[in-house]
Amino acid sequence: DGTPLTGPAGAPRPTRRDWAAGLAMSVALGWTFTCTGAAALPLSEELDVGLGVVGLFTTAFLIAEALVSVPGGRLCDRLGARRVGMAGTALMAAGSALASIAPEAWLILAARAVTGVGTGLAYVAVVAWLRGAGALAQGLVGGCALAGAGVAVALVPRLGGALGWRAPFVPELALAAAAVALAALAPTGRPAPPRRDASLRQLLRHPLVWRYGAMAGFSF
């Protein structure tokens, strides 16, 4: 399988506050994946655009998320996963607030890109933050993210009566704000364990990276 990748040997186990903040972030970022799709018809009617334009809201979100994933991992190494997670979740909240300002397609498109940047940072950070729990952390983060996505599909149409076209965005703002607040209450961090940095070229040449990437891609 090639040479070993950089590993967090001896990473500290998450505290209860770490778990609360990290899993809240996971639910919030899961919501962002499906919230606009769950309101595709109301958004199309309110914005007076076709469904193809509404689909671009998700496209912009996913492209932005993909672009920041690798730099986000580097930032976690340098600044700490908790800080990067808080910054990413704050960007998710900012993007949702921006999208809620007015029913303008260009504004929501830009806001979804901001949300995508935040989601990319938060997802990488929360996995790194809780990695001391091993595979359990990865399972819980993934499960909570999928739960958030599923809840968005179920709730956004039902919130349309009260929130109108803002139904995808206002709950995300609340979820992200709650996650940031929980992260602020979590421990500020402990000394990072020794690690061996791998270059981007080494990572791209490692077969495990491509296997995990294929698994993640097909799972969508």
Protein backbone atom coordinates (compact mmCIF):
# COMPACT_ATOMS: atom_id res chain seq x y z
CA ASP A 1 0.00 0.00 0.00
CA GLY A 2 2.98 2.35 -0.25
CA THR A 3 4.81 4.27 2.42
CA PRO A 4 2.84 5.29 5.53
CA LEU A 5 1.03 8.59 5.39
CA THR A 6 1.29 11.28 8.03
CA GLY A 7 -0.51 10.04 11.10
CA PRO A 8 -1.75 11.59 14.33
CA ALA A 9 -0.08 9.05 16.63
CA GLY A 10 -1.01 9.76 20.23
CA ALA A 11 -3.73 12.30 19.41
CA PRO A 12 -5.65 13.22 22.59
CA ARG A 13 -9.08 11.71 23.08
CA PRO A 14 -11.94 14.18 22.61
CA THR A 15 -13.67 15.57 25.67
CA ARG A 16 -17.46 15.73 25.97
CA ARG A 17 -17.36 19.37 24.89
CA ASP A 18 -15.25 18.43 21.89
CA TRP A 19 -17.83 15.81 20.92
CA ALA A 20 -20.74 18.22 21.37
CA ALA A 21 -19.14 20.92 19.23
CA GLY A 22 -17.78 18.57 16.58
CA LEU A 23 -21.00 16.66 16.06
CA ALA A 24 -23.03 19.88 16.02
CA MET A 25 -20.74 21.10 13.25
CA SER A 26 -21.30 17.83 11.42
CA VAL A 27 -25.08 18.21 11.50
CA ALA A 28 -24.81 21.83 10.35
CA LEU A 29 -22.53 21.03 7.42
CA GLY A 30 -24.73 18.10 6.42
CA TRP A 31 -27.71 20.47 6.19
CA THR A 32 -25.84 22.66 3.71
CA PHE A 33 -25.54 19.83 1.17
CA THR A 34 -29.24 19.32 0.52
CA CYS A 35 -31.08 22.40 1.80
CA THR A 36 -31.44 24.27 -1.51
CA GLY A 37 -32.40 21.14 -3.41
CA ALA A 38 -35.21 20.55 -0.93
CA ALA A 39 -36.59 24.00 -1.81
CA ALA A 40 -35.89 23.89 -5.55
CA LEU A 41 -39.44 24.69 -6.71
CA PRO A 42 -40.12 27.51 -4.20
CA LEU A 43 -36.74 29.09 -4.99
CA SER A 44 -37.39 28.78 -8.73
CA GLU A 45 -40.75 30.52 -8.39
CA GLU A 46 -39.57 33.24 -5.99
CA LEU A 47 -36.46 34.07 -8.00
CA ASP A 48 -38.24 33.65 -11.34
CA VAL A 49 -35.47 31.40 -12.67
CA GLY A 50 -35.35 27.86 -14.03
CA LEU A 51 -34.50 24.81 -12.00
CA GLY A 52 -31.13 24.71 -13.74
CA VAL A 53 -30.19 27.99 -12.08
CA VAL A 54 -31.30 26.67 -8.70
CA GLY A 55 -29.10 23.64 -9.33
CA LEU A 56 -26.13 25.98 -9.72
CA PHE A 57 -26.51 26.91 -6.06
CA THR A 58 -25.41 23.39 -5.16
CA THR A 59 -22.74 23.35 -7.89
CA ALA A 60 -21.16 26.57 -6.59
CA PHE A 61 -21.29 25.19 -3.07
CA LEU A 62 -19.58 21.90 -3.96
CA ILE A 63 -16.87 23.47 -6.12
CA ALA A 64 -15.99 25.92 -3.35
CA GLU A 65 -15.90 23.10 -0.81
CA ALA A 66 -13.63 20.99 -2.99
CA LEU A 67 -11.19 23.84 -3.61
CA VAL A 68 -10.58 24.51 0.09
CA SER A 69 -10.33 20.93 1.34
CA VAL A 70 -6.58 20.48 0.88
CA PRO A 71 -5.64 24.00 2.08
CA GLY A 72 -8.04 23.44 4.97
CA GLY A 73 -6.10 20.39 6.06
CA ARG A 74 -2.87 22.36 6.01
CA LEU A 75 -4.51 25.09 8.07
CA CYS A 76 -5.59 22.52 10.66
CA ASP A 77 -1.96 21.42 10.99
CA ARG A 78 -0.76 24.98 11.46
CA LEU A 79 -3.54 26.68 13.40
CA GLY A 80 -5.35 23.81 15.08
CA ALA A 81 -8.50 21.97 14.07
CA ARG A 82 -10.71 23.74 16.62
CA ARG A 83 -9.85 27.19 15.28
CA VAL A 84 -10.28 26.17 11.66
CA GLY A 85 -13.57 24.44 12.49
CA MET A 86 -14.89 27.55 14.21
CA ALA A 87 -13.82 29.75 11.31
CA GLY A 88 -15.39 27.41 8.77
CA THR A 89 -18.66 27.15 10.67
CA ALA A 90 -18.75 30.92 11.08
CA LEU A 91 -18.40 31.20 7.29
CA MET A 92 -21.29 28.77 6.90
CA ALA A 93 -23.40 31.04 9.09
CA ALA A 94 -22.26 34.12 7.16
CA GLY A 95 -23.14 32.51 3.84
CA SER A 96 -26.58 31.55 5.07
CA ALA A 97 -27.17 35.06 6.41
CA LEU A 98 -26.09 36.53 3.07
CA ALA A 99 -28.42 34.21 1.19
CA SER A 100 -31.32 35.33 3.39
CA ILE A 101 -30.98 39.02 2.57
CA ALA A 102 -32.96 39.17 -0.66
CA PRO A 103 -34.39 36.80 -3.29
CA GLU A 104 -31.71 37.52 -5.90
CA ALA A 105 -30.16 34.60 -7.76
CA TRP A 106 -26.70 36.17 -8.03
CA LEU A 107 -26.64 36.94 -4.32
CA ILE A 108 -27.66 33.41 -3.33
CA LEU A 109 -25.10 31.98 -5.75
CA ALA A 110 -22.33 34.01 -4.13
CA ALA A 111 -23.63 33.14 -0.67
CA ARG A 112 -23.60 29.43 -1.47
CA ALA A 113 -19.97 29.71 -2.55
CA VAL A 114 -19.16 31.30 0.82
CA THR A 115 -21.07 28.50 2.56
CA GLY A 116 -19.11 25.95 0.52
CA VAL A 117 -15.80 27.41 1.64
CA GLY A 118 -16.96 27.24 5.24
CA THR A 119 -18.24 23.69 4.87
CA GLY A 120 -14.98 22.52 3.33
CA LEU A 121 -12.98 23.97 6.20
CA ALA A 122 -15.38 22.68 8.84
CA TYR A 123 -15.53 19.14 7.49
CA VAL A 124 -11.76 18.72 7.35
CA ALA A 125 -11.40 20.34 10.76
CA VAL A 126 -14.00 18.29 12.60
CA VAL A 127 -12.47 15.01 11.43
CA ALA A 128 -9.03 16.22 12.54
CA TRP A 129 -10.41 17.57 15.82
CA LEU A 130 -12.00 14.29 16.89
CA ARG A 131 -9.40 11.97 15.38
CA GLY A 132 -8.19 10.90 18.83
CA ALA A 133 -11.27 8.65 19.02
CA GLY A 134 -10.17 6.76 15.91
CA ALA A 135 -12.66 5.21 13.52
CA LEU A 136 -15.51 5.97 15.93
CA ALA A 137 -15.03 9.68 15.27
CA GLN A 138 -15.12 9.22 11.50
CA GLY A 139 -18.27 7.15 11.78
CA LEU A 140 -20.06 9.63 14.02
CA VAL A 141 -19.01 12.65 11.96
CA GLY A 142 -20.18 10.98 8.76
CA GLY A 143 -23.39 9.76 10.36
CA CYS A 144 -24.27 13.16 11.81
CA ALA A 145 -23.53 14.86 8.48
CA LEU A 146 -25.80 12.44 6.65
CA ALA A 147 -28.46 12.93 9.32
CA GLY A 148 -28.25 16.70 8.85
CA ALA A 149 -28.67 16.27 5.10
CA GLY A 150 -31.67 14.00 5.60
CA VAL A 151 -33.30 16.32 8.12
CA ALA A 152 -32.93 19.21 5.66
CA VAL A 153 -34.77 17.26 2.97
CA ALA A 154 -37.57 16.49 5.41
CA LEU A 155 -37.89 19.86 7.15
CA VAL A 156 -37.16 22.52 4.53
CA PRO A 157 -40.44 21.95 2.61
CA ARG A 158 -42.37 22.02 5.90
CA LEU A 159 -40.74 25.27 6.97
CA GLY A 160 -41.72 26.99 3.73
CA GLY A 161 -45.00 28.21 5.15
CA ALA A 162 -43.29 30.09 7.96
CA LEU A 163 -39.99 31.07 6.34
CA GLY A 164 -40.87 31.15 2.64
CA TRP A 165 -37.90 31.05 0.27
CA ARG A 166 -35.56 31.53 3.25
CA ALA A 167 -36.43 28.05 4.60
CA PRO A 168 -33.10 26.51 3.48
CA PHE A 169 -30.98 29.28 4.99
CA VAL A 170 -32.40 30.43 8.33
CA PRO A 171 -32.14 27.00 10.01
CA GLU A 172 -28.58 26.62 8.72
CA LEU A 173 -27.71 29.97 10.24
CA ALA A 174 -29.08 28.79 13.59
CA LEU A 175 -27.33 25.40 13.40
CA ALA A 176 -23.98 26.95 12.50
CA ALA A 177 -24.25 29.62 15.20
CA ALA A 178 -25.00 26.96 17.81
CA ALA A 179 -22.01 24.90 16.68
CA VAL A 180 -19.68 27.91 16.92
CA ALA A 181 -20.96 28.63 20.43
CA LEU A 182 -20.32 25.03 21.49
CA ALA A 183 -16.83 25.13 19.99
CA ALA A 184 -16.07 28.29 21.95
CA LEU A 185 -16.84 26.35 25.14
CA ALA A 186 -14.60 23.42 24.19
CA PRO A 187 -11.01 23.12 25.47
CA THR A 188 -8.68 25.47 23.64
CA GLY A 189 -6.39 22.65 22.64
CA ARG A 190 -3.52 20.54 23.86
CA PRO A 191 0.00 20.16 22.51
CA ALA A 192 -0.08 18.57 19.08
CA PRO A 193 1.56 15.14 18.80
CA PRO A 194 4.70 14.79 16.69
CA ARG A 195 3.96 14.14 13.04
CA ARG A 196 5.78 13.71 9.77
CA ASP A 197 4.50 16.04 7.08
CA ALA A 198 3.81 14.62 3.66
CA SER A 199 3.99 16.74 0.53
CA LEU A 200 1.00 17.09 -1.75
CA ARG A 201 2.89 15.12 -4.40
CA GLN A 202 3.47 12.25 -1.96
CA LEU A 203 -0.19 12.22 -1.01
CA LEU A 204 -1.36 12.17 -4.62
CA ARG A 205 0.99 9.27 -5.37
CA HIS A 206 -0.26 7.19 -2.46
CA PRO A 207 -2.81 4.51 -3.46
CA LEU A 208 -4.82 4.85 -0.25
CA VAL A 209 -5.67 8.46 -1.09
CA TRP A 210 -7.22 7.38 -4.39
CA ARG A 211 -9.07 4.49 -2.77
CA TYR A 212 -10.59 6.67 -0.08
CA GLY A 213 -11.39 9.33 -2.66
CA ALA A 214 -13.18 6.82 -4.85
CA MET A 215 -15.13 5.48 -1.89
CA ALA A 216 -16.19 8.98 -0.89
CA GLY A 217 -17.12 9.93 -4.44
CA PHE A 218 -19.20 6.83 -5.11
CA SER A 219 -20.95 7.16 -1.76
CA PHE A 220 -22.61 10.35 -3.00
